[in-house]
Amino acid sequence: MGTKIKCAYCKGTGKDCFELLAKSSFCLVCKGTGVVEVEEPGRKCIFCSGTGINPLGARVPCIVCGGKGRTLSVGNKICPACSATGRSGDGLPCTKCKGKGYC
């Protein structure tokens, strides 16, 4: 069981922040509750800077944290492949740390 936090993707409103289907559509991440559960120990998602929004320009949740804005902290060693940026040379998530920046 994890910790409940405000949904980063919709900023806790429970509504689809991009109004993809309709203005009254529910958030894709929290399903309209405004709250998500994250595993601990966690840290702010490096790939999306904690926004929950895919930084690659798509109007979908972050592919690393699933839109929650936080990731499970798997290690404290800076990833040697991406230097804790969470990104590979092409801007996609680093394959060594899976976009988390730490191993």
C-alpha atoms as a PDB file:
ATOM      1  CA  MET A   1       0.000   0.000   0.000  1.00  0.00           C
ATOM      2  CA  GLY A   2       1.294   3.436  -0.866  1.00  0.00           C
ATOM      3  CA  THR A   3       0.705   7.056  -0.038  1.00  0.00           C
ATOM      4  CA  LYS A   4      -2.170   9.092  -1.455  1.00  0.00           C
ATOM      5  CA  ILE A   5      -1.227  12.410  -3.057  1.00  0.00           C
ATOM      6  CA  LYS A   6      -2.862  15.030  -5.268  1.00  0.00           C
ATOM      7  CA  CYS A   7      -2.895  13.944  -8.914  1.00  0.00           C
ATOM      8  CA  ALA A   8      -0.130  15.782 -10.769  1.00  0.00           C
ATOM      9  CA  TYR A   9      -1.678  15.308 -14.211  1.00  0.00           C
ATOM     10  CA  CYS A  10      -4.927  17.182 -13.441  1.00  0.00           C
ATOM     11  CA  LYS A  11      -3.511  19.131 -10.473  1.00  0.00           C
ATOM     12  CA  GLY A  12      -6.124  17.538  -8.232  1.00  0.00           C
ATOM     13  CA  THR A  13      -9.187  18.752 -10.163  1.00  0.00           C
ATOM     14  CA  GLY A  14     -10.219  15.291 -11.339  1.00  0.00           C
ATOM     15  CA  LYS A  15     -10.915  16.684 -14.817  1.00  0.00           C
ATOM     16  CA  ASP A  16      -9.167  15.993 -18.105  1.00  0.00           C
ATOM     17  CA  CYS A  17      -6.654  18.845 -18.246  1.00  0.00           C
ATOM     18  CA  PHE A  18      -6.571  18.797 -22.050  1.00  0.00           C
ATOM     19  CA  GLU A  19     -10.342  18.332 -22.496  1.00  0.00           C
ATOM     20  CA  LEU A  20      -9.594  15.637 -25.076  1.00  0.00           C
ATOM     21  CA  LEU A  21     -13.081  14.152 -25.136  1.00  0.00           C
ATOM     22  CA  ALA A  22     -15.216  16.864 -23.539  1.00  0.00           C
ATOM     23  CA  LYS A  23     -14.915  19.664 -21.001  1.00  0.00           C
ATOM     24  CA  SER A  24     -16.498  17.433 -18.362  1.00  0.00           C
ATOM     25  CA  SER A  25     -14.288  14.361 -18.996  1.00  0.00           C
ATOM     26  CA  PHE A  26     -12.557  12.715 -16.067  1.00  0.00           C
ATOM     27  CA  CYS A  27      -8.765  12.751 -15.648  1.00  0.00           C
ATOM     28  CA  LEU A  28      -7.085   9.776 -17.313  1.00  0.00           C
ATOM     29  CA  VAL A  29      -4.826   9.206 -14.307  1.00  0.00           C
ATOM     30  CA  CYS A  30      -6.982   9.606 -11.187  1.00  0.00           C
ATOM     31  CA  LYS A  31     -10.312   8.710 -12.853  1.00  0.00           C
ATOM     32  CA  GLY A  32     -11.910  11.886 -11.508  1.00  0.00           C
ATOM     33  CA  THR A  33     -10.954  11.571  -7.839  1.00  0.00           C
ATOM     34  CA  GLY A  34      -8.130  14.132  -7.885  1.00  0.00           C
ATOM     35  CA  VAL A  35      -6.009  11.730  -5.814  1.00  0.00           C
ATOM     36  CA  VAL A  36      -3.538   8.991  -6.784  1.00  0.00           C
ATOM     37  CA  GLU A  37      -1.664   6.374  -4.822  1.00  0.00           C
ATOM     38  CA  VAL A  38       2.125   6.241  -5.135  1.00  0.00           C
ATOM     39  CA  GLU A  39       4.605   3.694  -3.888  1.00  0.00           C
ATOM     40  CA  GLU A  40       7.132   4.676  -1.248  1.00  0.00           C
ATOM     41  CA  PRO A  41       9.917   5.559  -1.067  1.00  0.00           C
ATOM     42  CA  GLY A  42       9.227   7.908  -3.925  1.00  0.00           C
ATOM     43  CA  ARG A  43      10.690  10.996  -5.492  1.00  0.00           C
ATOM     44  CA  LYS A  44       9.595  13.611  -7.963  1.00  0.00           C
ATOM     45  CA  CYS A  45       9.622  12.244 -11.507  1.00  0.00           C
ATOM     46  CA  ILE A  46      12.736  13.524 -13.237  1.00  0.00           C
ATOM     47  CA  PHE A  47      11.447  12.824 -16.735  1.00  0.00           C
ATOM     48  CA  CYS A  48       8.386  15.114 -16.504  1.00  0.00           C
ATOM     49  CA  SER A  49       9.692  17.337 -13.671  1.00  0.00           C
ATOM     50  CA  GLY A  50       6.796  16.194 -11.505  1.00  0.00           C
ATOM     51  CA  THR A  51       4.065  17.611 -13.771  1.00  0.00           C
ATOM     52  CA  GLY A  52       2.678  14.219 -14.783  1.00  0.00           C
ATOM     53  CA  ILE A  53       2.460  15.445 -18.383  1.00  0.00           C
ATOM     54  CA  ASN A  54       4.446  13.713 -21.117  1.00  0.00           C
ATOM     55  CA  PRO A  55       7.359  16.074 -21.899  1.00  0.00           C
ATOM     56  CA  LEU A  56       7.643  14.731 -25.452  1.00  0.00           C
ATOM     57  CA  GLY A  57       4.791  16.971 -26.555  1.00  0.00           C
ATOM     58  CA  ALA A  58       1.956  14.455 -26.515  1.00  0.00           C
ATOM     59  CA  ARG A  59      -1.172  15.344 -24.573  1.00  0.00           C
ATOM     60  CA  VAL A  60      -1.008  12.162 -22.529  1.00  0.00           C
ATOM     61  CA  PRO A  61       0.342  11.206 -19.094  1.00  0.00           C
ATOM     62  CA  CYS A  62       4.109  10.900 -18.577  1.00  0.00           C
ATOM     63  CA  ILE A  63       5.388   7.527 -19.753  1.00  0.00           C
ATOM     64  CA  VAL A  64       7.709   7.177 -16.751  1.00  0.00           C
ATOM     65  CA  CYS A  65       5.458   8.030 -13.789  1.00  0.00           C
ATOM     66  CA  GLY A  66       2.105   7.331 -15.424  1.00  0.00           C
ATOM     67  CA  GLY A  67       0.974  10.904 -14.784  1.00  0.00           C
ATOM     68  CA  LYS A  68       1.352  10.739 -11.012  1.00  0.00           C
ATOM     69  CA  GLY A  69       4.375  13.067 -10.890  1.00  0.00           C
ATOM     70  CA  ARG A  70       6.307  10.698  -8.611  1.00  0.00           C
ATOM     71  CA  THR A  71       8.253   7.515  -9.176  1.00  0.00           C
ATOM     72  CA  LEU A  72       9.370   4.730  -6.893  1.00  0.00           C
ATOM     73  CA  SER A  73      12.896   5.471  -5.687  1.00  0.00           C
ATOM     74  CA  VAL A  74      14.865   2.383  -6.661  1.00  0.00           C
ATOM     75  CA  GLY A  75      18.335   3.622  -5.831  1.00  0.00           C
ATOM     76  CA  ASN A  76      20.424   6.614  -4.817  1.00  0.00           C
ATOM     77  CA  LYS A  77      23.249   6.200  -7.322  1.00  0.00           C
ATOM     78  CA  ILE A  78      23.137   8.683 -10.207  1.00  0.00           C
ATOM     79  CA  CYS A  79      22.556   6.829 -13.449  1.00  0.00           C
ATOM     80  CA  PRO A  80      25.864   6.698 -15.363  1.00  0.00           C
ATOM     81  CA  ALA A  81      24.078   6.547 -18.723  1.00  0.00           C
ATOM     82  CA  CYS A  82      21.984   9.736 -18.413  1.00  0.00           C
ATOM     83  CA  SER A  83      23.652  11.612 -15.514  1.00  0.00           C
ATOM     84  CA  ALA A  84      20.315  11.779 -13.638  1.00  0.00           C
ATOM     85  CA  THR A  85      18.408  13.501 -16.469  1.00  0.00           C
ATOM     86  CA  GLY A  86      16.225  10.452 -17.080  1.00  0.00           C
ATOM     87  CA  ARG A  87      16.680  10.919 -20.835  1.00  0.00           C
ATOM     88  CA  SER A  88      18.653   9.133 -23.499  1.00  0.00           C
ATOM     89  CA  GLY A  89      20.356  10.982 -26.359  1.00  0.00           C
ATOM     90  CA  ASP A  90      17.146  11.028 -28.408  1.00  0.00           C
ATOM     91  CA  GLY A  91      15.079  12.514 -25.545  1.00  0.00           C
ATOM     92  CA  LEU A  92      13.245   9.287 -24.754  1.00  0.00           C
ATOM     93  CA  PRO A  93      13.481   7.734 -21.271  1.00  0.00           C
ATOM     94  CA  CYS A  94      16.925   6.355 -20.463  1.00  0.00           C
ATOM     95  CA  THR A  95      16.968   2.595 -20.932  1.00  0.00           C
ATOM     96  CA  LYS A  96      19.361   1.964 -18.030  1.00  0.00           C
ATOM     97  CA  CYS A  97      17.343   3.695 -15.288  1.00  0.00           C
ATOM     98  CA  LYS A  98      13.982   3.616 -17.119  1.00  0.00           C
ATOM     99  CA  GLY A  99      13.755   7.409 -17.022  1.00  0.00           C
ATOM    100  CA  LYS A 100      14.092   7.691 -13.234  1.00  0.00           C
ATOM    101  CA  GLY A 101      17.620   9.174 -13.232  1.00  0.00           C
ATOM    102  CA  TYR A 102      18.886   6.905 -10.466  1.00  0.00           C
ATOM    103  CA  CYS A 103      19.900   3.252 -10.317  1.00  0.00           C
END
